[in-house]
Protein backbone atom coordinates (compact mmCIF):
# COMPACT_ATOMS: atom_id res chain seq x y z
CA MET A 1 110.02 117.97 120.63
CA ARG A 2 106.25 118.36 120.38
CA GLN A 3 106.85 121.68 118.59
CA LEU A 4 108.70 119.68 115.95
CA ILE A 5 105.85 117.24 115.48
CA CYS A 6 103.26 120.01 115.26
CA THR A 7 105.01 121.24 112.14
CA LEU A 8 104.66 117.78 110.61
CA ALA A 9 100.96 117.27 110.83
CA LEU A 10 99.22 117.74 107.49
CA THR A 11 101.85 120.08 106.07
CA LEU A 12 102.22 117.98 102.94
CA LEU A 13 98.58 117.02 102.49
CA ALA A 14 98.14 119.73 99.87
CA GLN A 15 95.99 118.90 96.88
CA PRO A 16 95.25 121.05 93.83
CA VAL A 17 93.02 123.96 94.87
CA LEU A 18 89.53 123.42 93.49
CA ALA A 19 88.00 126.39 91.73
CA ASP A 20 84.69 125.83 93.53
CA THR A 21 86.20 125.92 97.03
CA PRO A 22 85.60 129.47 98.34
CA CYS A 23 88.52 131.08 100.16
CA GLY A 24 90.15 134.41 100.87
CA GLY A 25 88.55 137.83 100.89
CA ASN A 26 87.20 139.66 103.87
CA PHE A 27 87.47 137.36 106.88
CA ALA A 28 84.18 138.40 108.49
CA SER A 29 82.34 137.85 105.21
CA PHE A 30 84.03 134.47 104.84
CA VAL A 31 82.88 133.42 108.32
CA SER A 32 79.35 134.56 107.48
CA GLU A 33 79.41 132.37 104.37
CA LEU A 34 80.58 129.39 106.42
CA LYS A 35 77.72 129.96 108.84
CA THR A 36 75.23 130.05 105.96
CA GLU A 37 76.62 126.78 104.60
CA ALA A 38 76.43 125.11 108.01
CA ILE A 39 72.77 126.12 108.34
CA ALA A 40 72.07 124.86 104.80
CA ASN A 41 73.56 121.53 105.90
CA GLY A 42 71.01 121.21 108.69
CA ILE A 43 72.65 122.99 111.63
CA GLU A 44 70.24 125.08 113.69
CA PRO A 45 70.83 128.84 113.19
CA ALA A 46 71.32 129.40 116.92
CA THR A 47 73.90 126.61 117.02
CA ALA A 48 75.75 128.06 114.04
CA ASP A 49 75.71 131.50 115.65
CA ALA A 50 77.11 130.08 118.88
CA PHE A 51 79.91 128.25 117.05
CA PHE A 52 81.09 131.15 114.89
CA ASP A 53 80.60 133.92 117.43
CA GLY A 54 84.06 135.16 118.35
CA ILE A 55 85.95 133.18 115.66
CA ARG A 56 89.11 135.01 114.72
CA GLN A 57 91.93 134.62 112.28
CA ASP A 58 95.10 133.27 113.91
CA PRO A 59 98.37 134.53 112.36
CA ALA A 60 100.34 131.98 114.40
CA VAL A 61 98.54 129.19 112.55
CA LEU A 62 99.57 130.60 109.19
CA ALA A 63 103.14 131.02 110.41
CA ALA A 64 103.25 127.38 111.53
CA ASP A 65 101.75 126.26 108.24
CA ARG A 66 104.57 127.93 106.32
CA LYS A 67 107.38 126.39 108.35
CA GLN A 68 109.02 123.58 106.38
CA GLY A 69 112.56 123.24 107.76
CA VAL A 70 111.85 120.11 109.80
CA PHE A 71 111.15 118.13 106.64
CA GLN A 72 114.67 118.78 105.40
CA ILE A 73 116.20 116.58 108.11
CA PRO A 74 117.43 113.23 106.70
CA PHE A 75 115.79 110.04 107.95
CA VAL A 76 118.68 108.83 110.15
CA ASP A 77 118.95 112.16 112.00
CA PHE A 78 115.19 112.58 112.17
CA ALA A 79 114.68 109.10 113.63
CA ARG A 80 117.41 109.59 116.19
CA ARG A 81 115.84 112.88 117.24
CA LEU A 82 112.36 111.40 117.71
CA ILE A 83 113.17 107.96 119.08
CA SER A 84 114.72 107.86 122.53
CA GLU A 85 115.14 105.23 125.20
CA ASP A 86 112.64 107.17 127.29
CA ARG A 87 110.03 107.00 124.53
CA LEU A 88 110.68 103.31 124.09
CA ARG A 89 110.38 102.70 127.83
CA ARG A 90 107.16 104.68 128.17
CA GLY A 91 105.78 103.02 125.06
CA ARG A 92 106.32 99.58 126.56
CA ALA A 93 104.85 100.75 129.87
CA ASN A 94 101.74 102.05 128.10
CA ALA A 95 101.47 98.78 126.19
CA GLN A 96 101.22 96.99 129.53
CA LYS A 97 98.97 99.59 131.15
CA TYR A 98 96.46 99.46 128.31
CA ASP A 99 96.96 95.84 127.39
CA ALA A 100 93.22 95.11 127.32
CA ILE A 101 92.61 98.09 125.02
CA PHE A 102 95.38 97.03 122.67
CA ASP A 103 93.89 93.54 122.63
CA ARG A 104 90.68 95.16 121.39
CA VAL A 105 92.63 97.23 118.84
CA GLU A 106 94.21 94.09 117.43
CA THR A 107 91.08 91.94 117.56
CA GLU A 108 88.53 94.46 116.27
CA TYR A 109 90.65 96.46 113.81
CA GLY A 110 93.67 94.28 113.07
CA VAL A 111 96.18 97.01 113.90
CA ASP A 112 99.28 96.00 115.86
CA ARG A 113 99.78 97.86 119.13
CA GLY A 114 103.19 99.12 118.08
CA VAL A 115 101.60 101.10 115.25
CA LEU A 116 99.24 102.99 117.57
CA LEU A 117 101.90 103.43 120.23
CA ALA A 118 104.24 105.04 117.69
CA PHE A 119 101.58 107.51 116.55
CA TRP A 120 100.66 108.24 120.17
CA ALA A 121 104.32 108.92 120.98
CA PHE A 122 105.08 111.12 117.99
CA GLU A 123 101.84 113.05 117.85
CA THR A 124 101.53 114.05 121.52
CA ASP A 125 104.31 112.33 123.49
CA TYR A 126 101.74 109.84 124.82
CA GLY A 127 99.21 112.59 125.46
CA ALA A 128 101.55 114.89 127.41
CA PHE A 129 101.22 117.77 124.96
CA GLN A 130 98.30 117.89 122.57
CA GLY A 131 98.73 121.41 121.22
CA ASP A 132 97.54 124.75 122.55
CA PHE A 133 96.04 126.33 119.42
CA ASN A 134 92.34 127.12 119.53
CA THR A 135 91.01 124.47 117.15
CA ALA A 136 88.04 126.38 115.77
CA ASN A 137 90.19 129.42 115.00
CA ALA A 138 92.86 127.23 113.41
CA LEU A 139 90.43 125.42 111.14
CA VAL A 140 88.65 128.57 109.98
CA THR A 141 91.98 130.35 109.44
CA LEU A 142 93.24 127.52 107.24
CA ALA A 143 89.93 127.25 105.40
CA HIS A 144 90.11 130.99 104.65
CA ASP A 145 93.73 130.71 103.49
CA CYS A 146 93.78 129.77 99.80
CA ARG A 147 96.58 127.21 100.01
CA ARG A 148 94.41 124.20 100.96
CA PRO A 149 90.79 125.34 101.40
CA GLN A 150 89.43 122.07 99.99
CA LEU A 151 91.01 120.24 102.92
CA PHE A 152 90.00 122.54 105.76
CA ARG A 153 86.56 123.88 104.82
CA PRO A 154 84.95 120.43 105.32
CA GLN A 155 86.78 120.16 108.65
CA VAL A 156 85.20 123.41 109.85
CA LEU A 157 81.74 122.12 108.98
CA ALA A 158 82.53 118.81 110.70
CA ALA A 159 83.58 120.73 113.82
CA VAL A 160 80.22 122.54 113.76
CA THR A 161 78.48 119.15 113.66
CA LEU A 162 80.57 117.92 116.58
CA PHE A 163 79.61 121.08 118.46
CA ALA A 164 75.92 120.45 117.74
CA GLN A 165 76.36 116.92 119.12
CA GLY A 166 78.02 118.19 122.28
CA GLY A 167 81.48 116.89 121.43
CA PHE A 168 83.30 120.15 120.69
CA ASP A 169 83.66 123.53 122.41
CA PRO A 170 84.72 126.23 119.95
CA ARG A 171 85.98 128.45 122.75
CA ARG A 172 87.93 125.84 124.73
CA THR A 173 88.89 122.96 122.43
CA THR A 174 92.60 123.15 121.65
CA GLY A 175 95.00 121.07 119.63
CA ALA A 176 97.67 121.25 116.94
CA TRP A 177 97.98 124.23 114.62
CA ALA A 178 96.42 122.24 111.74
CA GLY A 179 93.24 121.49 113.67
CA GLU A 180 93.94 117.98 114.94
CA ILE A 181 92.54 117.07 118.33
CA GLY A 182 93.47 114.61 121.04
CA MET A 183 96.12 112.08 121.95
CA VAL A 184 96.57 110.72 118.42
CA GLN A 185 95.61 114.00 116.72
CA MET A 186 92.53 113.47 114.56
CA LEU A 187 90.66 116.05 112.51
CA PRO A 188 86.96 116.71 113.21
CA ARG A 189 85.65 114.78 110.20
CA ASP A 190 87.78 111.79 111.15
CA ILE A 191 86.36 111.96 114.66
CA LEU A 192 82.81 112.06 113.30
CA GLU A 193 83.45 109.08 111.04
CA ASN A 194 85.73 106.98 113.25
CA GLY A 195 85.30 108.11 116.85
CA VAL A 196 84.93 105.22 119.31
CA ASP A 197 83.73 105.35 122.92
CA GLY A 198 86.44 103.06 124.17
CA ASP A 199 85.90 103.51 127.91
CA GLY A 200 82.12 103.16 127.81
CA ASP A 201 81.26 106.51 129.40
CA GLY A 202 78.90 107.48 126.58
CA VAL A 203 81.11 110.13 124.96
CA VAL A 204 84.10 110.12 122.61
CA SER A 205 86.89 112.11 124.23
CA LEU A 206 90.18 111.90 122.38
CA LYS A 207 91.82 114.47 124.66
CA THR A 208 91.28 112.78 128.01
CA SER A 209 90.59 109.10 127.30
CA ALA A 210 93.40 106.90 126.04
CA PRO A 211 90.95 104.05 125.23
CA ASP A 212 88.84 106.41 123.12
CA ALA A 213 91.89 107.81 121.32
CA LEU A 214 93.55 104.46 120.62
CA LEU A 215 90.43 102.68 119.39
CA SER A 216 89.43 105.70 117.28
CA GLY A 217 92.88 105.83 115.72
CA ALA A 218 92.75 102.10 114.98
CA ARG A 219 89.32 102.40 113.42
CA MET A 220 90.55 105.23 111.22
CA LEU A 221 93.52 103.17 110.04
CA GLN A 222 91.16 100.31 109.24
CA SER A 223 88.95 102.68 107.25
CA LEU A 224 92.01 103.82 105.29
CA GLY A 225 92.68 100.25 104.20
CA TRP A 226 94.89 98.72 106.91
CA ARG A 227 95.13 94.99 106.30
CA ALA A 228 94.50 93.08 109.52
CA GLY A 229 97.34 91.11 111.01
CA GLU A 230 99.87 92.01 108.30
CA PRO A 231 103.26 93.67 108.92
CA TRP A 232 104.10 97.09 107.53
CA LEU A 233 107.88 97.42 107.45
CA ALA A 234 110.99 95.29 107.88
CA GLU A 235 114.65 96.23 107.84
CA VAL A 236 116.62 94.34 105.21
CA VAL A 237 120.21 93.78 104.13
CA MET A 238 120.95 94.49 100.48
CA PRO A 239 123.46 92.67 98.25
CA SER A 240 126.27 94.85 96.91
CA ASP A 241 125.50 93.95 93.29
CA PHE A 242 121.79 94.84 93.51
CA ASP A 243 120.04 96.67 90.69
CA TRP A 244 119.26 99.84 92.65
CA SER A 245 116.81 101.06 90.01
CA LEU A 246 114.37 98.49 91.41
CA THR A 247 114.10 100.37 94.70
CA GLY A 248 111.40 102.89 95.56
CA LEU A 249 107.64 102.77 96.05
CA GLU A 250 107.15 102.64 92.29
CA THR A 251 108.37 99.01 92.18
CA THR A 252 106.46 96.24 93.96
CA LYS A 253 107.41 92.57 93.89
CA PRO A 254 106.50 89.43 95.81
CA VAL A 255 108.69 88.91 98.87
CA SER A 256 109.93 85.65 97.40
CA GLU A 257 111.19 87.49 94.33
CA TRP A 258 113.04 90.06 96.45
CA GLN A 259 114.68 87.21 98.30
CA SER A 260 115.72 85.57 95.04
CA LEU A 261 117.42 88.87 94.18
CA GLY A 262 119.45 88.71 97.38
CA VAL A 263 117.37 90.88 99.73
CA GLN A 264 117.69 89.39 103.21
CA PRO A 265 115.95 90.19 106.52
CA ARG A 266 117.84 91.79 109.39
CA ASN A 267 115.27 91.15 112.14
CA GLY A 268 113.78 87.72 111.57
CA PRO A 269 112.01 86.22 108.55
CA LEU A 270 110.25 88.29 105.92
CA ALA A 271 106.51 87.83 105.40
CA GLU A 272 106.00 85.14 102.80
CA GLY A 273 103.04 85.57 100.49
CA LEU A 274 103.04 89.38 100.59
CA THR A 275 104.35 91.95 98.16
CA GLY A 276 106.61 94.85 99.03
CA SER A 277 108.88 97.65 97.89
CA VAL A 278 112.52 98.17 98.84
CA LEU A 279 113.05 101.65 100.28
CA LEU A 280 116.35 103.45 100.73
CA PRO A 281 115.59 106.66 102.64
CA GLN A 282 119.22 107.85 102.27
CA GLY A 283 120.38 105.95 99.23
CA LYS A 284 122.13 102.64 98.73
CA ASP A 285 124.72 103.26 101.47
CA GLY A 286 122.17 104.02 104.19
CA PRO A 287 119.45 101.98 105.91
CA ALA A 288 117.27 99.67 103.79
CA PHE A 289 113.71 98.54 104.41
CA LEU A 290 111.07 96.37 102.80
CA ALA A 291 107.72 98.16 102.87
CA TYR A 292 104.64 95.93 102.83
CA PRO A 293 101.18 97.07 101.60
CA ASN A 294 100.20 98.43 105.05
CA PHE A 295 103.09 100.88 104.85
CA ARG A 296 101.23 102.85 102.19
CA VAL A 297 98.34 103.46 104.60
CA TYR A 298 100.70 105.64 106.64
CA PHE A 299 100.63 108.23 103.86
CA ASP A 300 96.91 108.75 104.46
CA TRP A 301 97.82 109.76 108.01
CA ASN A 302 100.74 112.00 107.06
CA GLN A 303 102.26 112.70 103.65
CA SER A 304 105.83 113.34 104.82
CA PHE A 305 108.05 110.46 103.65
CA THR A 306 110.52 110.98 106.48
CA TYR A 307 107.78 111.08 109.12
CA VAL A 308 106.13 107.96 107.69
CA MET A 309 109.43 106.06 107.57
CA THR A 310 110.22 107.04 111.14
CA ALA A 311 106.77 106.26 112.54
CA ALA A 312 106.67 102.88 110.77
CA TYR A 313 110.19 102.03 111.93
CA PHE A 314 109.48 103.09 115.52
CA ALA A 315 106.44 100.80 115.50
CA THR A 316 108.74 97.88 114.66
CA ARG A 317 111.09 98.89 117.48
CA LEU A 318 108.18 98.85 119.91
CA GLN A 319 107.46 95.34 118.64
CA GLY A 320 111.03 94.21 119.36
CA ALA A 321 113.10 95.07 116.27
CA GLN A 322 116.71 96.13 116.78
CA VAL A 323 118.18 99.57 116.04
CA PHE A 324 118.56 100.04 112.28
CA ASP A 325 121.95 99.87 110.62
CA ALA A 326 122.58 103.47 109.62
CA GLY A 327 125.35 102.54 107.21
CA SER A 328 127.41 105.36 105.72
CA PRO A 329 125.09 107.42 103.52
CA ARG A 330 126.65 109.66 100.93
CA THR A 331 126.52 113.39 101.67
CA GLY A 332 123.12 114.78 100.81
CA LEU A 333 121.91 118.30 100.12
CA ASP A 334 121.06 121.05 102.56
CA GLY A 335 117.87 123.07 102.21
CA THR A 336 119.33 125.68 99.89
CA GLN A 337 120.92 123.04 97.67
CA MET A 338 117.69 121.05 97.59
CA LYS A 339 115.79 124.10 96.38
CA ALA A 340 118.41 124.64 93.68
CA LEU A 341 118.02 120.99 92.67
CA GLN A 342 114.24 121.27 92.55
CA THR A 343 114.48 124.39 90.41
CA LYS A 344 116.66 122.53 87.93
CA LEU A 345 114.36 119.50 87.99
CA GLU A 346 111.34 121.68 87.27
CA ALA A 347 113.23 123.27 84.39
CA ARG A 348 113.61 119.78 82.94
CA GLY A 349 109.85 119.23 83.15
CA HIS A 350 109.59 117.25 86.38
CA ASP A 351 106.75 117.80 88.86
CA VAL A 352 108.45 118.03 92.25
CA GLY A 353 105.44 119.48 94.05
CA GLY A 354 106.97 122.93 94.36
CA VAL A 355 110.40 124.29 95.25
CA ASP A 356 110.35 123.87 99.03
CA GLY A 357 113.67 122.24 99.89
CA ILE A 358 111.95 119.00 100.93
CA LEU A 359 112.85 115.59 99.55
CA GLY A 360 109.32 114.38 99.04
CA ALA A 361 107.91 111.70 96.76
CA GLY A 362 107.81 113.94 93.68
CA THR A 363 111.40 115.05 94.10
CA ARG A 364 112.59 111.49 94.73
CA ALA A 365 110.89 110.30 91.53
CA ALA A 366 112.46 113.14 89.55
CA VAL A 367 115.88 112.39 91.06
CA ARG A 368 115.57 108.77 90.01
CA ALA A 369 114.66 109.76 86.46
CA GLU A 370 117.67 112.05 86.21
CA GLN A 371 119.96 109.45 87.74
CA VAL A 372 118.89 107.09 84.96
CA ARG A 373 119.49 109.73 82.30
CA LEU A 374 122.92 110.64 83.65
CA GLY A 375 124.07 107.08 84.28
CA LEU A 376 124.31 107.54 88.04
CA THR A 377 123.31 105.07 90.76
CA VAL A 378 119.50 105.04 90.66
CA ASP A 379 118.62 105.10 94.36
CA GLY A 380 116.60 108.32 94.65
CA TRP A 381 119.15 109.99 96.96
CA PRO A 382 120.22 113.42 95.64
CA THR A 383 123.88 114.28 96.09
CA PRO A 384 126.09 117.27 95.24
CA GLU A 385 127.32 115.24 92.26
CA LEU A 386 123.80 115.06 90.84
CA LEU A 387 123.24 118.76 91.48
CA SER A 388 126.45 119.68 89.67
CA GLN A 389 125.66 117.46 86.68
CA LEU A 390 122.28 119.12 86.28
């Protein structure tokens, strides 16, 4: 299961490649340039030499970076694969074990314990497996690769700074293939900016200290805009005569307005006074959720819609919500069909973020636009019918 989650982390965080972000070319020369930049940023030459000595390119990292199949799993199947009774049981046990730490998380950062527990479970199975890739090699490999150098080059330099501070060993530090470290999988720059010594031993150790990892993760969420004490997601029941074109992250309304349109809670009252968006991860016949403002912060942790939906939902389960109503979603598209759909959408001028077989935000938006044009149900769920009509 951890192998599955490793393929999730950061895979969809791609941004346009900046022309001034060096990448590619001879690997040894590239490493030498990184070393020069680190020294220019104030790192002692001997420290830079010690960090980069022995750095090598890791083909396994590039192979993991190119794997995308996991993102093609629909939400219902994906959630059932990741959420088990064992994970729920251990999550509740950890909530009790670290109750004082979670009290601090909630008091100091305003993040509910279920949110951190869900990340802890999905990222490393509560710390049981944190990844076995050499982190320094992974970061330099991905910085050298020209797919996302603007993301990973700063992380290499942050790792050098951590090394200079005594908080990183380039030979021994291991983690996920994308360079994340520790129980909740944070990148070096995030550790520099948000690391917390939760157990009071004078060092920030996200690999061996649950208090450090949980408080650091909470601080990072706060820095990303988490709104203290507010919910993030609630399952809802939709009226049959609803205007489905109002669903999706593009539409936000006050909770009271959603209720006036017939949207009803399934697990207790909705949060009055907040705004939200109605999300249908598998169309109008599948599960339905109301996403509050905090839900959007999840996308700064991971850009995969399915991962975000599942992590946010699991956090509500850990807080006592019941199992979602899966409904009877219409048949979706397999990976090959999704690529064919994306090709057709691109031909019609839509930006789907590349033909990768993944139903991401860009593809969902394009699907909705074409559903409007073709007079189909506008719920963002691509079906064989839509594919054939395109």
